Amino acid sequence: MTEKEMLQRNIEEFSRLQDYMQSCDKETEAYTKMKKRYKELKVILTASGINLTEIDYIKE
C-alpha cells in the first residue's frame, strides 16, 4: 500500500468515525472507544501534514 493510499484510508476512516460519534450518546462505552480512535487518527493525520480544519467537525 502506498503512502497516498494509506492517507486516503485514514481520512475516510476519520470521516466515517465522526459520523458514528455524532449518532451516539457521549456517555456510552462505544463513544469512549470511538473517541480514543478519533484522537489516534487526529495524531496520525496531523503528523502526516493533513490540515484537519475542514474535515474535523467533532473538534474534541
N, C-alpha and C. Protein backbone atom coordinates (compact mmCIF):
# COMPACT_ATOMS: atom_id res chain seq x y z
N MET A 1 0.86 -1.17 0.00
CA MET A 1 0.00 0.00 0.00
C MET A 1 0.91 1.24 0.00
N THR A 2 0.59 2.15 -0.87
CA THR A 2 1.39 3.38 -0.96
C THR A 2 1.02 4.34 0.17
N GLU A 3 1.87 5.32 0.39
CA GLU A 3 1.60 6.32 1.42
C GLU A 3 0.31 7.09 1.11
N LYS A 4 0.10 7.39 -0.16
CA LYS A 4 -1.10 8.11 -0.57
C LYS A 4 -2.36 7.28 -0.26
N GLU A 5 -2.31 6.00 -0.54
CA GLU A 5 -3.46 5.13 -0.25
C GLU A 5 -3.71 5.04 1.26
N MET A 6 -2.64 4.98 2.04
CA MET A 6 -2.78 4.91 3.49
C MET A 6 -3.39 6.19 4.04
N LEU A 7 -2.96 7.34 3.53
CA LEU A 7 -3.54 8.60 3.95
C LEU A 7 -5.01 8.68 3.59
N GLN A 8 -5.35 8.24 2.38
CA GLN A 8 -6.74 8.25 1.96
C GLN A 8 -7.58 7.37 2.87
N ARG A 9 -7.08 6.20 3.20
CA ARG A 9 -7.81 5.28 4.08
C ARG A 9 -8.03 5.91 5.46
N ASN A 10 -6.99 6.55 6.00
CA ASN A 10 -7.12 7.19 7.31
C ASN A 10 -8.09 8.36 7.29
N ILE A 11 -8.07 9.14 6.22
CA ILE A 11 -9.01 10.26 6.10
C ILE A 11 -10.45 9.75 6.01
N GLU A 12 -10.66 8.70 5.23
CA GLU A 12 -12.00 8.12 5.12
C GLU A 12 -12.46 7.55 6.46
N GLU A 13 -11.57 6.88 7.18
CA GLU A 13 -11.92 6.33 8.49
C GLU A 13 -12.24 7.46 9.47
N PHE A 14 -11.47 8.53 9.43
CA PHE A 14 -11.69 9.69 10.30
C PHE A 14 -13.08 10.28 10.05
N SER A 15 -13.43 10.43 8.81
CA SER A 15 -14.75 10.98 8.47
C SER A 15 -15.88 10.05 8.91
N ARG A 16 -15.73 8.79 8.62
CA ARG A 16 -16.75 7.79 8.98
C ARG A 16 -16.91 7.73 10.50
N LEU A 17 -15.80 7.75 11.21
CA LEU A 17 -15.82 7.69 12.67
C LEU A 17 -16.57 8.88 13.25
N GLN A 18 -16.36 10.05 12.71
CA GLN A 18 -17.07 11.24 13.19
C GLN A 18 -18.58 11.10 12.99
N ASP A 19 -18.99 10.51 11.87
CA ASP A 19 -20.41 10.27 11.64
C ASP A 19 -20.98 9.37 12.72
N TYR A 20 -20.26 8.30 13.04
CA TYR A 20 -20.70 7.38 14.09
C TYR A 20 -20.77 8.08 15.44
N MET A 21 -19.76 8.90 15.73
CA MET A 21 -19.72 9.60 17.01
C MET A 21 -20.90 10.56 17.16
N GLN A 22 -21.29 11.20 16.08
CA GLN A 22 -22.42 12.14 16.16
C GLN A 22 -23.74 11.42 16.40
N SER A 23 -23.83 10.17 16.03
CA SER A 23 -25.08 9.44 16.20
C SER A 23 -25.13 8.66 17.50
N CYS A 24 -24.14 8.83 18.34
CA CYS A 24 -24.02 8.05 19.56
C CYS A 24 -24.05 8.96 20.77
N ASP A 25 -24.67 8.51 21.86
CA ASP A 25 -24.68 9.25 23.11
C ASP A 25 -23.27 9.32 23.68
N LYS A 26 -22.85 10.50 24.09
CA LYS A 26 -21.48 10.70 24.58
C LYS A 26 -21.18 9.95 25.87
N GLU A 27 -22.17 9.49 26.55
CA GLU A 27 -21.98 8.81 27.83
C GLU A 27 -21.84 7.30 27.69
N THR A 28 -21.81 6.79 26.48
CA THR A 28 -21.73 5.34 26.29
C THR A 28 -20.28 4.85 26.18
N GLU A 29 -20.11 3.58 26.44
CA GLU A 29 -18.79 2.95 26.29
C GLU A 29 -18.34 2.99 24.83
N ALA A 30 -19.27 2.82 23.92
CA ALA A 30 -18.94 2.85 22.49
C ALA A 30 -18.37 4.21 22.10
N TYR A 31 -18.96 5.28 22.59
CA TYR A 31 -18.47 6.62 22.28
C TYR A 31 -17.06 6.80 22.82
N THR A 32 -16.82 6.33 24.03
CA THR A 32 -15.49 6.44 24.64
C THR A 32 -14.44 5.73 23.78
N LYS A 33 -14.77 4.56 23.27
CA LYS A 33 -13.85 3.82 22.41
C LYS A 33 -13.64 4.53 21.08
N MET A 34 -14.72 5.07 20.53
CA MET A 34 -14.59 5.80 19.27
C MET A 34 -13.75 7.06 19.46
N LYS A 35 -13.90 7.73 20.60
CA LYS A 35 -13.14 8.94 20.86
C LYS A 35 -11.64 8.63 20.93
N LYS A 36 -11.30 7.48 21.50
CA LYS A 36 -9.89 7.07 21.54
C LYS A 36 -9.34 6.93 20.12
N ARG A 37 -10.07 6.26 19.25
CA ARG A 37 -9.62 6.09 17.87
C ARG A 37 -9.60 7.42 17.15
N TYR A 38 -10.57 8.27 17.43
CA TYR A 38 -10.62 9.62 16.85
C TYR A 38 -9.32 10.37 17.16
N LYS A 39 -8.89 10.33 18.42
CA LYS A 39 -7.66 11.02 18.81
C LYS A 39 -6.45 10.42 18.11
N GLU A 40 -6.41 9.09 18.01
CA GLU A 40 -5.29 8.43 17.32
C GLU A 40 -5.22 8.88 15.86
N LEU A 41 -6.36 8.91 15.20
CA LEU A 41 -6.38 9.32 13.80
C LEU A 41 -5.99 10.78 13.63
N LYS A 42 -6.40 11.63 14.57
CA LYS A 42 -6.01 13.04 14.52
C LYS A 42 -4.49 13.17 14.57
N VAL A 43 -3.86 12.42 15.44
CA VAL A 43 -2.40 12.47 15.57
C VAL A 43 -1.74 11.98 14.28
N ILE A 44 -2.22 10.86 13.76
CA ILE A 44 -1.65 10.29 12.52
C ILE A 44 -1.78 11.28 11.38
N LEU A 45 -2.98 11.84 11.19
CA LEU A 45 -3.21 12.75 10.07
C LEU A 45 -2.44 14.06 10.23
N THR A 46 -2.39 14.58 11.44
CA THR A 46 -1.64 15.82 11.68
C THR A 46 -0.15 15.60 11.43
N ALA A 47 0.38 14.48 11.91
CA ALA A 47 1.79 14.16 11.70
C ALA A 47 2.10 13.96 10.22
N SER A 48 1.10 13.58 9.46
CA SER A 48 1.28 13.37 8.02
C SER A 48 1.11 14.66 7.22
N GLY A 49 0.84 15.75 7.91
CA GLY A 49 0.72 17.04 7.25
C GLY A 49 -0.67 17.37 6.73
N ILE A 50 -1.67 16.61 7.15
CA ILE A 50 -3.04 16.86 6.71
C ILE A 50 -3.65 17.97 7.56
N ASN A 51 -4.22 18.98 6.92
CA ASN A 51 -4.90 20.06 7.61
C ASN A 51 -6.31 19.59 7.94
N LEU A 52 -6.61 19.48 9.21
CA LEU A 52 -7.89 18.94 9.65
C LEU A 52 -8.99 20.00 9.77
N THR A 53 -8.68 21.23 9.48
CA THR A 53 -9.63 22.33 9.66
C THR A 53 -10.97 22.05 8.99
N GLU A 54 -10.94 21.57 7.78
CA GLU A 54 -12.17 21.34 7.02
C GLU A 54 -12.85 20.02 7.32
N ILE A 55 -12.10 19.01 7.76
CA ILE A 55 -12.70 17.69 7.91
C ILE A 55 -12.97 17.29 9.35
N ASP A 56 -12.50 18.07 10.32
CA ASP A 56 -12.73 17.74 11.73
C ASP A 56 -13.92 18.53 12.23
N TYR A 57 -15.09 17.92 12.23
CA TYR A 57 -16.27 18.65 12.68
C TYR A 57 -16.71 18.24 14.09
N ILE A 58 -16.05 17.28 14.70
CA ILE A 58 -16.30 16.94 16.10
C ILE A 58 -15.54 17.91 17.00
N LYS A 59 -14.28 18.15 16.64
CA LYS A 59 -13.39 19.09 17.33
C LYS A 59 -13.29 18.83 18.83
N GLU A 60 -12.97 17.60 19.19
CA GLU A 60 -12.75 17.25 20.61
C GLU A 60 -11.31 16.97 20.84
